[in-house]
Amino acid sequence: MSPSLRAVEIECAEPLELAKFWSAALGGEISPAADGVHIADEQTGHPSLYLTEARSGERPRSRTRIWLNPVRGTLDDEVARLTALGAVVVERRWTMETFRLGYVIMTDPDGNEFCVESSDAERQVAERRFADESDDLADLEPPPDGKSTTGFAGIDV
């Protein structure tokens, strides 16, 4: 049997201050932990987030990123909400530009990168329309530069 993901740890300069951002972003409660703070959503059983004080000089920072999927609304709605909380947009990447599907790389107030992807609802609409041979997709705007983009696994979309 495969293990389940229990927690994600982020080393940061000020765990309590950064916890305020992540608590607002994820909707979880902040509680004390052994060497920092803990944010959990006990009702959903989703993985916990631990924020601990950075241990200077021990090892380089991890390149691990947290990926968020909007439960309500769109990718753009969630990016706007997180920006208002103090996150910064680093880069926007399209996987299906015509449908405006993709993800946004952001940083939290401490500079840790994370990603927000298009919502499941946005993807389902795009997949349904793409599969419908009678839908000519005429109402969709072309990509801003008029070029196709490359999706995951190098497939042109």
Protein backbone atom coordinates (compact mmCIF):
# COMPACT_ATOMS: atom_id res chain seq x y z
CA MET A 1 0.00 0.00 0.00
CA SER A 2 1.30 3.46 -0.87
CA PRO A 3 1.96 6.04 1.83
CA SER A 4 -0.18 9.14 2.09
CA LEU A 5 1.16 12.67 2.20
CA ARG A 6 0.91 13.88 5.78
CA ALA A 7 2.59 17.30 5.73
CA VAL A 8 4.67 19.82 3.81
CA GLU A 9 7.35 21.80 5.65
CA ILE A 10 8.53 25.27 4.72
CA GLU A 11 11.62 26.78 6.32
CA CYS A 12 11.28 30.53 6.68
CA ALA A 13 12.60 33.55 8.58
CA GLU A 14 9.41 34.26 10.57
CA PRO A 15 7.17 31.17 10.89
CA LEU A 16 4.29 32.89 12.68
CA GLU A 17 4.16 35.80 10.23
CA LEU A 18 4.26 33.49 7.21
CA ALA A 19 1.65 31.24 8.84
CA LYS A 20 -0.79 34.16 8.74
CA PHE A 21 -0.48 34.26 4.93
CA TRP A 22 -0.83 30.48 4.49
CA SER A 23 -3.68 30.26 7.00
CA ALA A 24 -5.62 32.86 5.01
CA ALA A 25 -4.65 31.25 1.69
CA LEU A 26 -5.66 27.71 2.69
CA GLY A 27 -8.34 28.42 5.28
CA GLY A 28 -6.71 26.39 8.06
CA GLU A 29 -6.14 27.17 11.72
CA ILE A 30 -2.68 28.07 13.08
CA SER A 31 -1.46 26.05 16.06
CA PRO A 32 1.93 25.63 17.78
CA ALA A 33 4.25 22.81 16.70
CA ALA A 34 7.49 21.40 18.11
CA ASP A 35 9.78 23.80 16.25
CA GLY A 36 7.43 26.23 14.53
CA VAL A 37 3.75 26.45 13.68
CA HIS A 38 1.28 24.05 12.11
CA ILE A 39 -1.68 24.72 9.80
CA ALA A 40 -4.19 21.92 9.36
CA ASP A 41 -7.67 21.43 8.03
CA GLU A 42 -8.87 18.57 10.18
CA GLN A 43 -12.26 18.40 8.44
CA THR A 44 -10.90 17.53 4.99
CA GLY A 45 -7.94 15.42 6.00
CA HIS A 46 -5.69 17.31 3.58
CA PRO A 47 -1.96 17.37 4.34
CA SER A 48 -0.78 19.73 7.06
CA LEU A 49 1.60 22.61 6.50
CA TYR A 50 4.49 23.09 8.95
CA LEU A 51 6.37 26.38 9.04
CA THR A 52 9.71 26.21 10.83
CA GLU A 53 12.50 28.69 11.37
CA ALA A 54 15.23 28.40 8.73
CA ARG A 55 18.31 26.59 9.96
CA SER A 56 21.10 28.74 8.55
CA GLY A 57 24.04 26.98 6.99
CA GLU A 58 22.73 23.43 7.32
CA ARG A 59 21.84 22.84 3.67
CA PRO A 60 20.55 24.70 0.62
CA ARG A 61 16.83 25.44 0.35
CA SER A 62 14.67 22.84 -1.30
CA ARG A 63 13.24 23.39 -4.79
CA THR A 64 9.98 21.72 -3.74
CA ARG A 65 6.81 23.64 -4.61
CA ILE A 66 3.33 23.43 -3.21
CA TRP A 67 0.60 23.17 -5.88
CA LEU A 68 -2.82 24.66 -5.19
CA ASN A 69 -6.01 23.83 -7.08
CA PRO A 70 -8.87 26.35 -6.74
CA VAL A 71 -11.96 24.72 -5.24
CA ARG A 72 -14.22 27.63 -6.22
CA GLY A 73 -13.76 30.13 -9.02
CA THR A 74 -11.04 30.28 -11.63
CA LEU A 75 -7.28 30.38 -11.77
CA ASP A 76 -7.42 34.16 -12.21
CA ASP A 77 -9.78 34.53 -9.23
CA GLU A 78 -7.43 32.57 -6.97
CA VAL A 79 -4.33 34.43 -8.16
CA ALA A 80 -6.07 37.74 -7.43
CA ARG A 81 -7.08 36.54 -3.95
CA LEU A 82 -3.57 35.33 -3.11
CA THR A 83 -1.99 38.52 -4.47
CA ALA A 84 -4.25 40.53 -2.17
CA LEU A 85 -2.92 38.42 0.72
CA GLY A 86 0.68 39.31 -0.16
CA ALA A 87 1.75 36.71 -2.74
CA VAL A 88 3.68 37.83 -5.83
CA VAL A 89 3.22 36.51 -9.38
CA VAL A 90 6.51 35.23 -10.82
CA GLU A 91 5.38 33.71 -14.11
CA ARG A 92 2.24 32.55 -15.91
CA ARG A 93 2.48 29.37 -17.98
CA TRP A 94 -0.15 28.05 -20.36
CA THR A 95 -0.78 24.37 -21.07
CA MET A 96 -3.77 25.06 -23.35
CA GLU A 97 -3.56 28.77 -24.08
CA THR A 98 -6.69 28.92 -26.27
CA PHE A 99 -8.74 27.75 -23.29
CA ARG A 100 -6.68 29.82 -20.85
CA LEU A 101 -5.65 26.68 -18.96
CA GLY A 102 -2.35 26.61 -17.17
CA TYR A 103 -0.72 27.58 -13.93
CA VAL A 104 0.87 30.56 -12.23
CA ILE A 105 4.13 30.43 -10.31
CA MET A 106 3.93 32.70 -7.27
CA THR A 107 5.94 33.42 -4.14
CA ASP A 108 4.61 33.75 -0.63
CA PRO A 109 5.67 36.79 1.45
CA ASP A 110 8.88 34.97 2.47
CA GLY A 111 9.88 34.23 -1.14
CA ASN A 112 8.94 30.52 -1.21
CA GLU A 113 7.63 29.50 -4.63
CA PHE A 114 4.29 27.77 -5.07
CA CYS A 115 1.98 27.19 -8.01
CA VAL A 116 -1.72 27.69 -8.61
CA GLU A 117 -3.26 25.69 -11.45
CA SER A 118 -6.48 26.05 -13.41
CA SER A 119 -9.47 24.74 -11.48
CA ASP A 120 -10.94 21.31 -12.14
CA ALA A 121 -14.10 23.04 -13.42
CA GLU A 122 -12.08 25.08 -15.95
CA ARG A 123 -10.33 21.93 -17.18
CA GLN A 124 -13.59 19.98 -17.46
CA VAL A 125 -15.19 22.69 -19.61
CA ALA A 126 -12.15 22.81 -21.89
CA GLU A 127 -11.96 19.02 -22.22
CA ARG A 128 -15.68 18.77 -22.98
CA ARG A 129 -15.55 21.49 -25.64
CA PHE A 130 -12.35 20.14 -27.16
CA ALA A 131 -13.89 16.65 -27.48
CA ASP A 132 -17.16 17.95 -28.98
CA GLU A 133 -16.70 17.72 -32.75
CA SER A 134 -19.69 20.02 -33.34
CA ASP A 135 -18.08 22.83 -31.31
CA ASP A 136 -16.03 25.00 -33.66
CA LEU A 137 -14.58 26.94 -30.69
CA ALA A 138 -15.26 30.16 -32.63
CA ASP A 139 -16.02 32.14 -29.46
CA LEU A 140 -12.55 31.57 -28.03
CA GLU A 141 -9.93 34.25 -28.43
CA PRO A 142 -6.67 33.21 -30.09
CA PRO A 143 -3.51 33.27 -27.98
CA PRO A 144 -2.16 36.82 -27.56
CA ASP A 145 0.88 36.15 -29.78
CA GLY A 146 -1.07 34.06 -32.32
CA LYS A 147 1.18 31.04 -31.75
CA SER A 148 0.40 27.63 -30.37
CA THR A 149 1.94 26.64 -27.10
CA THR A 150 3.44 23.39 -25.92
CA GLY A 151 1.55 21.52 -23.25
CA PHE A 152 2.74 18.96 -20.75
CA ALA A 153 4.90 16.16 -22.13
CA GLY A 154 5.86 18.35 -25.10
CA ILE A 155 2.53 17.92 -26.91
CA ASP A 156 1.50 20.87 -29.07
CA VAL A 157 -1.96 22.09 -28.16
